[in-house]
Amino acid sequence: MVFGWFLGYIEAMQGLRNAVLATLAYYDVFDFPLTGFEVWKFLINPARVERLKEGIGEIVLIDVIKELEELQKNKKIVEYNGFYFLSPERLGIYDIRIEREKISAQKWKKLLNKARWFMMVPYLRGLFISGSMALNNSTEASDFDALVVAKTNRLYTCRILLSFVASLLGVRRTKHDVRAPDKFCFNHYLTDQNLGILYESLYNAETYMSLKPIFAQDDLWVRFFRDNIWLNKFVYNSRPEESYLYRVKPWPVLMGVQHLLETMLDTVVGEGVEKFLRYYQQRRIRLNPVTYASGGRTIFTDAQLEFHPHSEERRIISRYNETVLNLGTFWNYSELDSGLE
């Protein structure tokens, strides 16, 4: 019995060590070295990289730090100024990360200054920032990728009014923008009673794990993670992060405007407007050739809108698998994309 326990312990530690290494490999694709805390936060589930016979239990920060130190001692990774890298040849991405953090800090000021005005948009229930801004890994050319949550049965009304307000502010990215620095790209919409993400993959899990809440009504932020429990299959420590640093403070005047407009639209007329806008927008999306582009995903239903016709997911996953393979540590381990068309 003792021997069996010992073997299980060794297996669990090997799984954790490989998960730590795999996590560094994933973010290396983004030229993004990680701190020890970030490795713990974004840790790839050890069960994905190692065939574990039993669960590994809770993984606390000190466990990850110990594995990082062991990997460093065995010259599997290197550390510089509190950041961890796969090899000495990758130390150059430290300067890239520091520079992008400075750029992101300036962009956050612009983002929050403009995003506060969206609080007046009827039926807008939540706004989460994703992509490079969520990781503080932006370049000067980066836009603001946003996940929008709208009230159920008012998705298309919310979308068109959000686009209208963003256009008035001059911060909406349009299909004609090849580059759109400091503009909002509303590329994913959910409804507040349908928060589940249907397409599972490591790429999507890591993306949604890094979301930053700008504002969210009631318990929306917590419910998002509850309804997407599948994230834990990929990211071991998936949980809602109360990131107040990035939140827009409530502005009663704007919230009053939103309430007034919703009162006016919560009528038979408002239902008719929603039906018309749904028909109009779905028709435009359906007739757009980009909707059917290869290697991406476009969804337009009553509960969800997603516009990623030229997704980076497949390229990122491919580069990650190649990096993992070159490490020569894992047994036949690789990841798939989320089923892109």
Foldseek 3Di string as FASTA:
>chain_A
DVVVVVVLVVQLLLLQLVQLVLLQLLCVLVLDFDALVVCQLQGWQSCQFGVHPDHNPDDDSVSSVVSQVVCVVVQCWHDDPRTIHRHPVSPVSVVLQVVLLVVLVVLLVLVLVLVLLLLLQAQWFWKKWWDCSLVSNDDQQDETEIETEGAQLCQLSSVVSSQVSLVVVVADDDPPDPTRGSHYDHFKYFYQVGLEDDFDWLVVLSGVQSIDTQDGPDCSQQVNCVNHVVSCNTGVNRGRDPCVVSYHDHDVVSNVSNVVVVVVLPDPVVSVVSVVSLVVVVVVLVPDPLCPAFPFHFDRDSGMTGDTSPPCQQVSQVSSQVSSVVSVSGDPRGIDGRDTD
